[in-house]
Amino acid sequence: MEYENYWIVDDEGHEDLKYTENICKIMEQQCRYLFDYTNGCVFAVFDEIKTEGSIIATAKTMANAFRILSGKMELQETIAESSTKNLIDANNMYFDKRYGFEICTEEYRFRVFELRMTPIYPVEINIDEGICKNIRNTLDRVAIPMEKVNYFRIGDEEAFCNVLQAILQDKKVRYIVGELQKRVQERNANKENLPGKVIICEGQTDEIVLQAIAKKLNKEVTIVVANGKYNVPAVLEGVRMKSSKPEILVVVDSDGDEEQTRNIIVEKLGVGGYELAIVNSCIEDWFMPETEKFSKLKFMYLVNSMVEEADFEELGKAHKSFAKVVEFLQR
């Protein structure tokens, strides 16, 4: 007996699926708009919320335990042993993640909403209570209320953009952005400009090493940590606004691919107004092989003594990025 084919795998069969792939791009642009609108005083962050020991992780652990106890795991492994044992679990492709959207300054943060999404709509949004009250009419028109207070289900990209527009144009959001911008401007008015020489780096380890080098050379420099190369563009704009004619050196790790890193930085920053030193592959490599087996903690503990004892001329010959840093500082 031949049964009907239940699979829908052709191109036409995907027309009913509405993908969420543009949400991160939409949010990234909105973050950029806020930064530009406030001249770098206020910025927004849209990022995954990662929680250790979450309910989801606990549920997966319990489910796995129940399968083992019931003998179902043994059956599953027996069936898969010959053909799928070494394959990657495709279930990871269908992610289920929580994201948070916050408006921030160096001192303040405000959680606007949380978003739970998979690769396919609908998504679930949990909106700040005050905002939710203000835009309730819009929400009732384009989203579906859920049982939890201030939670809504959004069915497609058009509805998501409508909800996002209502949120960002809400009076509470506009008030908070305005107040934050005013406070940052008042604070900056009372601050002196940054020194003329600034180094932007990725992380804390980079900062400690660079400070030690500047100290040995007896040179004054401001080092700003971007917390990752993808945050460098926003930090660079902030530095430019705080100093009239700064000399700026951007120091980033290549992570094993110097050419790709250079392309990313140039694409984001352009080609003028800063200098670039790409460390291949991370700043600890300047002191290899002595530090090969060092933990991060041990490296940071000993970095000052290592820099003090280092032969800068020899290091400069071995590492172009190190030579660039020294040349920038001594100029």
Protein backbone atom coordinates (compact mmCIF):
# COMPACT_ATOMS: atom_id res chain seq x y z
CA MET A 1 0.00 0.00 0.00
CA GLU A 2 1.39 3.41 -0.95
CA TYR A 3 0.66 6.38 1.33
CA GLU A 4 0.35 10.05 0.50
CA ASN A 5 3.51 12.22 0.59
CA TYR A 6 3.13 14.52 3.61
CA TRP A 7 6.38 16.46 3.10
CA ILE A 8 6.35 20.09 1.95
CA VAL A 9 9.90 20.75 0.80
CA ASP A 10 9.59 22.60 -2.49
CA ASP A 11 9.92 26.39 -2.86
CA GLU A 12 6.16 26.93 -2.95
CA GLY A 13 5.81 25.07 0.34
CA HIS A 14 7.81 27.79 2.12
CA GLU A 15 5.51 30.64 1.18
CA ASP A 16 3.51 30.29 4.40
CA LEU A 17 6.64 30.63 6.57
CA LYS A 18 7.44 34.14 7.78
CA TYR A 19 11.07 34.43 8.82
CA THR A 20 12.47 36.57 11.65
CA GLU A 21 15.93 36.95 10.07
CA ASN A 22 15.56 40.73 9.62
CA ILE A 23 14.75 41.54 13.25
CA CYS A 24 18.38 41.84 14.34
CA LYS A 25 19.15 44.06 11.33
CA ILE A 26 16.15 46.28 12.10
CA MET A 27 17.22 46.64 15.73
CA GLU A 28 20.85 47.28 14.82
CA GLN A 29 19.78 50.17 12.59
CA GLN A 30 17.56 51.62 15.33
CA CYS A 31 20.49 51.46 17.76
CA ARG A 32 22.59 53.34 15.23
CA TYR A 33 19.89 55.97 14.68
CA LEU A 34 19.66 56.71 18.41
CA PHE A 35 23.43 57.07 18.73
CA ASP A 36 23.51 59.50 15.78
CA TYR A 37 20.41 61.38 16.93
CA THR A 38 21.87 62.06 20.39
CA ASN A 39 25.41 62.73 19.11
CA GLY A 40 26.71 59.74 21.01
CA CYS A 41 25.23 60.73 24.38
CA VAL A 42 22.72 57.87 24.48
CA PHE A 43 23.05 54.46 22.91
CA ALA A 44 20.85 51.38 22.63
CA VAL A 45 21.71 47.70 22.96
CA PHE A 46 19.82 44.77 21.47
CA ASP A 47 21.38 41.52 22.55
CA GLU A 48 20.61 37.97 23.58
CA ILE A 49 19.70 37.42 27.23
CA LYS A 50 21.81 34.51 28.48
CA THR A 51 20.90 33.02 31.86
CA GLU A 52 22.74 30.18 33.54
CA GLY A 53 20.45 27.49 34.95
CA SER A 54 17.40 28.79 33.14
CA ILE A 55 14.05 27.01 33.10
CA ILE A 56 14.66 25.89 29.53
CA ALA A 57 18.02 24.34 30.36
CA THR A 58 16.55 22.64 33.42
CA ALA A 59 13.66 21.26 31.38
CA LYS A 60 16.04 19.83 28.80
CA THR A 61 18.10 18.17 31.51
CA MET A 62 15.02 16.65 33.12
CA ALA A 63 13.67 15.47 29.77
CA ASN A 64 16.97 13.79 29.00
CA ALA A 65 16.95 12.05 32.39
CA PHE A 66 13.40 10.79 31.85
CA ARG A 67 14.34 9.38 28.45
CA ILE A 68 17.25 7.47 29.95
CA LEU A 69 15.12 6.09 32.76
CA SER A 70 12.40 4.97 30.37
CA GLY A 71 14.80 3.26 27.99
CA LYS A 72 13.91 5.54 25.09
CA MET A 73 17.40 6.95 24.86
CA GLU A 74 18.82 3.46 24.37
CA LEU A 75 16.39 2.79 21.52
CA GLN A 76 17.19 6.12 19.89
CA GLU A 77 20.93 5.50 20.01
CA THR A 78 20.52 1.99 18.59
CA ILE A 79 18.59 3.29 15.60
CA ALA A 80 21.04 6.12 14.96
CA GLU A 81 24.28 4.31 15.69
CA SER A 82 25.23 3.35 12.14
CA SER A 83 24.26 6.48 10.21
CA THR A 84 23.93 9.58 12.44
CA LYS A 85 26.27 9.03 15.37
CA ASN A 86 28.83 11.63 14.28
CA LEU A 87 26.47 14.17 12.72
CA ILE A 88 25.76 17.66 14.06
CA ASP A 89 22.41 18.06 15.79
CA ALA A 90 20.27 20.12 13.37
CA ASN A 91 17.91 21.06 16.20
CA ASN A 92 20.34 23.89 16.99
CA MET A 93 19.37 25.55 13.72
CA TYR A 94 15.89 26.18 15.08
CA PHE A 95 16.98 28.48 17.89
CA ASP A 96 14.70 29.77 20.63
CA LYS A 97 16.32 32.83 22.16
CA ARG A 98 15.44 35.77 24.39
CA TYR A 99 16.68 39.23 23.51
CA GLY A 100 16.65 42.44 25.49
CA PHE A 101 16.48 46.00 24.17
CA GLU A 102 17.89 48.70 26.46
CA ILE A 103 18.57 52.41 26.25
CA CYS A 104 21.82 53.28 28.01
CA THR A 105 24.45 55.82 28.90
CA GLU A 106 27.65 55.22 30.85
CA GLU A 107 25.64 55.59 34.08
CA TYR A 108 22.03 54.63 33.30
CA ARG A 109 20.11 51.83 31.62
CA PHE A 110 16.42 51.34 30.82
CA ARG A 111 14.97 48.02 29.64
CA VAL A 112 12.43 48.89 26.93
CA PHE A 113 11.33 45.38 26.03
CA GLU A 114 12.29 41.74 25.86
CA LEU A 115 11.76 39.60 22.78
CA ARG A 116 11.52 35.85 22.47
CA MET A 117 12.05 34.61 18.94
CA THR A 118 12.69 31.57 16.79
CA PRO A 119 13.67 31.66 13.08
CA ILE A 120 9.97 31.86 12.16
CA TYR A 121 7.19 34.19 13.27
CA PRO A 122 5.33 34.68 15.57
CA VAL A 123 7.60 36.29 18.17
CA GLU A 124 6.68 37.18 21.74
CA ILE A 125 7.38 40.63 23.17
CA ASN A 126 7.29 41.78 26.81
CA ILE A 127 7.03 45.57 26.89
CA ASP A 128 7.77 47.95 29.77
CA GLU A 129 4.54 48.49 31.72
CA GLY A 130 4.41 52.27 31.27
CA ILE A 131 5.05 52.11 27.56
CA CYS A 132 2.53 49.30 27.21
CA LYS A 133 -0.22 51.44 28.76
CA ASN A 134 0.59 54.36 26.48
CA ILE A 135 0.48 52.41 23.20
CA ARG A 136 -2.21 49.90 24.08
CA ASN A 137 -4.46 50.93 21.19
CA THR A 138 -1.71 50.20 18.66
CA LEU A 139 -0.87 46.90 20.31
CA ASP A 140 -4.49 45.75 20.26
CA ARG A 141 -4.64 46.53 16.55
CA VAL A 142 -1.46 44.81 15.30
CA ALA A 143 -0.52 42.26 17.99
CA ILE A 144 -2.22 39.50 19.95
CA PRO A 145 -2.41 39.86 23.77
CA MET A 146 -1.11 36.90 25.76
CA GLU A 147 -2.12 35.66 29.19
CA LYS A 148 0.83 37.35 30.93
CA VAL A 149 0.51 41.08 31.56
CA ASN A 150 2.34 43.25 28.98
CA TYR A 151 3.11 40.22 26.76
CA PHE A 152 2.05 40.18 23.11
CA ARG A 153 2.46 37.86 20.13
CA ILE A 154 3.55 39.43 16.82
CA GLY A 155 2.74 37.55 13.61
CA ASP A 156 4.97 39.06 10.91
CA GLU A 157 7.62 41.66 10.09
CA GLU A 158 5.14 44.42 9.23
CA ALA A 159 3.43 44.04 12.60
CA PHE A 160 6.82 43.97 14.34
CA CYS A 161 7.85 47.24 12.68
CA ASN A 162 4.52 48.83 13.63
CA VAL A 163 4.96 47.80 17.27
CA LEU A 164 8.59 48.93 17.30
CA GLN A 165 7.68 52.33 15.85
CA ALA A 166 4.96 52.82 18.46
CA ILE A 167 7.42 51.90 21.24
CA LEU A 168 10.25 54.17 20.08
CA GLN A 169 7.88 57.10 19.54
CA ASP A 170 6.14 56.66 22.90
CA LYS A 171 6.23 59.65 25.24
CA LYS A 172 7.97 57.73 28.04
CA VAL A 173 10.77 56.63 25.72
CA ARG A 174 11.16 60.14 24.29
CA TYR A 175 11.26 61.62 27.79
CA ILE A 176 13.91 59.17 29.03
CA VAL A 177 16.08 59.65 25.94
CA GLY A 178 15.82 63.43 26.30
CA GLU A 179 16.69 63.36 30.01
CA LEU A 180 19.61 61.01 29.49
CA GLN A 181 20.97 63.12 26.67
CA LYS A 182 20.68 66.29 28.77
CA ARG A 183 22.49 64.71 31.74
CA VAL A 184 25.33 63.43 29.59
CA GLN A 185 25.71 66.83 27.92
CA GLU A 186 25.80 68.57 31.30
CA ARG A 187 28.38 66.12 32.58
CA ASN A 188 30.54 66.44 29.47
CA ALA A 189 30.41 70.23 29.69
CA ASN A 190 32.16 70.00 33.06
CA LYS A 191 34.81 67.60 31.80
CA GLU A 192 38.05 68.43 30.07
CA ASN A 193 38.63 67.06 26.61
CA LEU A 194 40.47 63.80 26.24
CA PRO A 195 44.24 64.03 25.73
CA GLY A 196 45.23 64.35 22.10
CA LYS A 197 46.45 60.76 21.86
CA VAL A 198 43.91 57.93 22.24
CA ILE A 199 44.13 54.16 21.78
CA ILE A 200 40.91 52.17 21.28
CA CYS A 201 41.27 48.47 22.05
CA GLU A 202 38.98 45.45 22.38
CA GLY A 203 39.25 44.25 25.97
CA GLN A 204 40.68 44.58 29.46
CA THR A 205 43.77 42.48 28.76
CA ASP A 206 44.64 44.72 25.80
CA GLU A 207 44.20 47.80 27.99
CA ILE A 208 46.54 46.50 30.70
CA VAL A 209 49.26 45.58 28.19
CA LEU A 210 49.01 48.91 26.37
CA GLN A 211 49.08 50.87 29.62
CA ALA A 212 52.23 49.00 30.67
CA ILE A 213 53.90 49.82 27.35
CA ALA A 214 52.97 53.52 27.64
CA LYS A 215 54.29 53.57 31.22
CA LYS A 216 57.64 52.09 30.20
CA LEU A 217 57.94 54.67 27.42
CA ASN A 218 56.85 57.41 29.85
CA LYS A 219 54.11 58.54 27.46
CA GLU A 220 50.65 59.86 28.31
CA VAL A 221 47.75 58.24 26.46
CA THR A 222 44.06 57.60 27.02
CA ILE A 223 43.06 53.98 26.43
CA VAL A 224 39.40 53.25 25.75
CA VAL A 225 38.04 49.69 25.88
CA ALA A 226 35.37 48.91 23.27
CA ASN A 227 34.48 45.43 24.57
CA GLY A 228 34.83 43.77 21.18
CA LYS A 229 35.80 44.90 17.66
CA TYR A 230 32.16 45.30 16.61
CA ASN A 231 31.73 48.12 19.15
CA VAL A 232 34.77 50.04 17.87
CA PRO A 233 32.80 52.27 15.42
CA ALA A 234 30.54 53.67 18.15
CA VAL A 235 33.50 54.19 20.52
CA LEU A 236 35.50 55.92 17.79
CA GLU A 237 32.69 58.41 17.17
CA GLY A 238 32.43 59.08 20.90
CA VAL A 239 36.17 59.78 21.11
CA ARG A 240 36.02 62.16 18.17
CA MET A 241 33.23 64.13 19.82
CA LYS A 242 35.14 64.51 23.10
CA SER A 243 38.39 65.69 21.55
CA SER A 244 38.77 68.30 18.85
CA LYS A 245 41.73 66.85 16.90
CA PRO A 246 42.61 63.51 18.45
CA GLU A 247 45.32 61.15 17.27
CA ILE A 248 43.60 57.77 17.37
CA LEU A 249 45.08 54.29 17.14
CA VAL A 250 42.69 51.35 16.87
CA VAL A 251 44.18 48.09 18.17
CA VAL A 252 42.19 44.93 17.40
CA ASP A 253 42.88 41.19 17.39
CA SER A 254 42.86 39.34 14.08
CA ASP A 255 41.47 36.16 15.68
CA GLY A 256 43.49 34.24 13.09
CA ASP A 257 42.31 36.14 10.00
CA GLU A 258 44.08 39.46 9.59
CA GLU A 259 42.70 40.26 6.13
CA GLN A 260 39.08 39.68 7.15
CA THR A 261 39.56 41.79 10.29
CA ARG A 262 41.04 44.62 8.22
CA ASN A 263 38.11 44.48 5.81
CA ILE A 264 35.59 44.57 8.69
CA ILE A 265 37.26 47.57 10.34
CA VAL A 266 37.67 49.53 7.09
CA GLU A 267 34.06 48.79 6.11
CA LYS A 268 32.77 50.07 9.46
CA LEU A 269 35.19 52.98 10.04
CA GLY A 270 36.25 54.09 6.58
CA VAL A 271 39.91 54.76 5.80
CA GLY A 272 40.64 58.14 7.40
CA GLY A 273 40.85 59.78 10.80
CA TYR A 274 42.52 56.92 12.65
CA GLU A 275 45.45 54.52 12.51
CA LEU A 276 45.12 50.75 12.72
CA ALA A 277 47.19 48.03 14.35
CA ILE A 278 45.96 44.46 13.86
CA VAL A 279 47.41 42.01 16.36
CA ASN A 280 47.93 38.51 14.95
CA SER A 281 46.13 36.81 16.52
CA CYS A 282 45.80 38.24 20.08
CA ILE A 283 47.86 40.65 22.17
CA GLU A 284 49.26 37.86 24.38
CA ASP A 285 51.12 36.54 21.30
CA TRP A 286 53.58 39.42 21.56
CA PHE A 287 55.11 37.62 24.52
CA MET A 288 55.10 34.06 23.16
CA PRO A 289 56.46 31.45 23.70
CA GLU A 290 57.10 32.45 27.34
CA THR A 291 53.36 32.92 27.97
CA GLU A 292 52.13 29.92 25.97
CA LYS A 293 50.92 28.00 29.01
CA PHE A 294 49.86 31.02 31.06
CA SER A 295 46.27 31.31 32.20
CA LYS A 296 44.57 34.65 31.54
CA LEU A 297 44.85 35.49 35.25
CA LYS A 298 48.58 34.68 35.41
CA PHE A 299 49.25 36.70 32.27
CA MET A 300 47.50 39.77 33.65
CA TYR A 301 49.33 39.36 36.96
CA LEU A 302 52.78 39.25 35.31
CA VAL A 303 52.23 41.60 32.37
CA ASN A 304 53.89 44.65 33.96
CA SER A 305 57.09 42.79 34.75
CA MET A 306 57.11 41.16 31.28
CA VAL A 307 56.74 44.53 29.57
CA GLU A 308 59.42 46.06 31.78
CA GLU A 309 61.89 43.31 30.88
CA ALA A 310 60.95 43.10 27.19
CA ASP A 311 63.27 44.20 24.38
CA PHE A 312 61.00 46.58 22.47
CA GLU A 313 63.27 46.65 19.43
CA GLU A 314 63.20 42.86 19.07
CA LEU A 315 59.45 42.70 19.68
CA GLY A 316 58.94 45.37 17.02
CA LYS A 317 60.88 43.31 14.49
CA ALA A 318 58.80 40.21 15.29
CA HIS A 319 55.38 41.91 15.43
CA LYS A 320 54.35 44.78 13.13
CA SER A 321 51.42 45.59 15.41
CA PHE A 322 53.73 46.04 18.41
CA ALA A 323 56.02 48.30 16.39
CA LYS A 324 52.99 50.36 15.34
CA VAL A 325 51.90 50.86 18.95
CA VAL A 326 55.38 51.94 20.05
CA GLU A 327 55.75 54.29 17.07
CA PHE A 328 52.34 55.85 17.81
CA LEU A 329 53.22 56.44 21.46
CA GLN A 330 56.69 57.86 20.79
CA ARG A 331 55.57 60.23 18.06
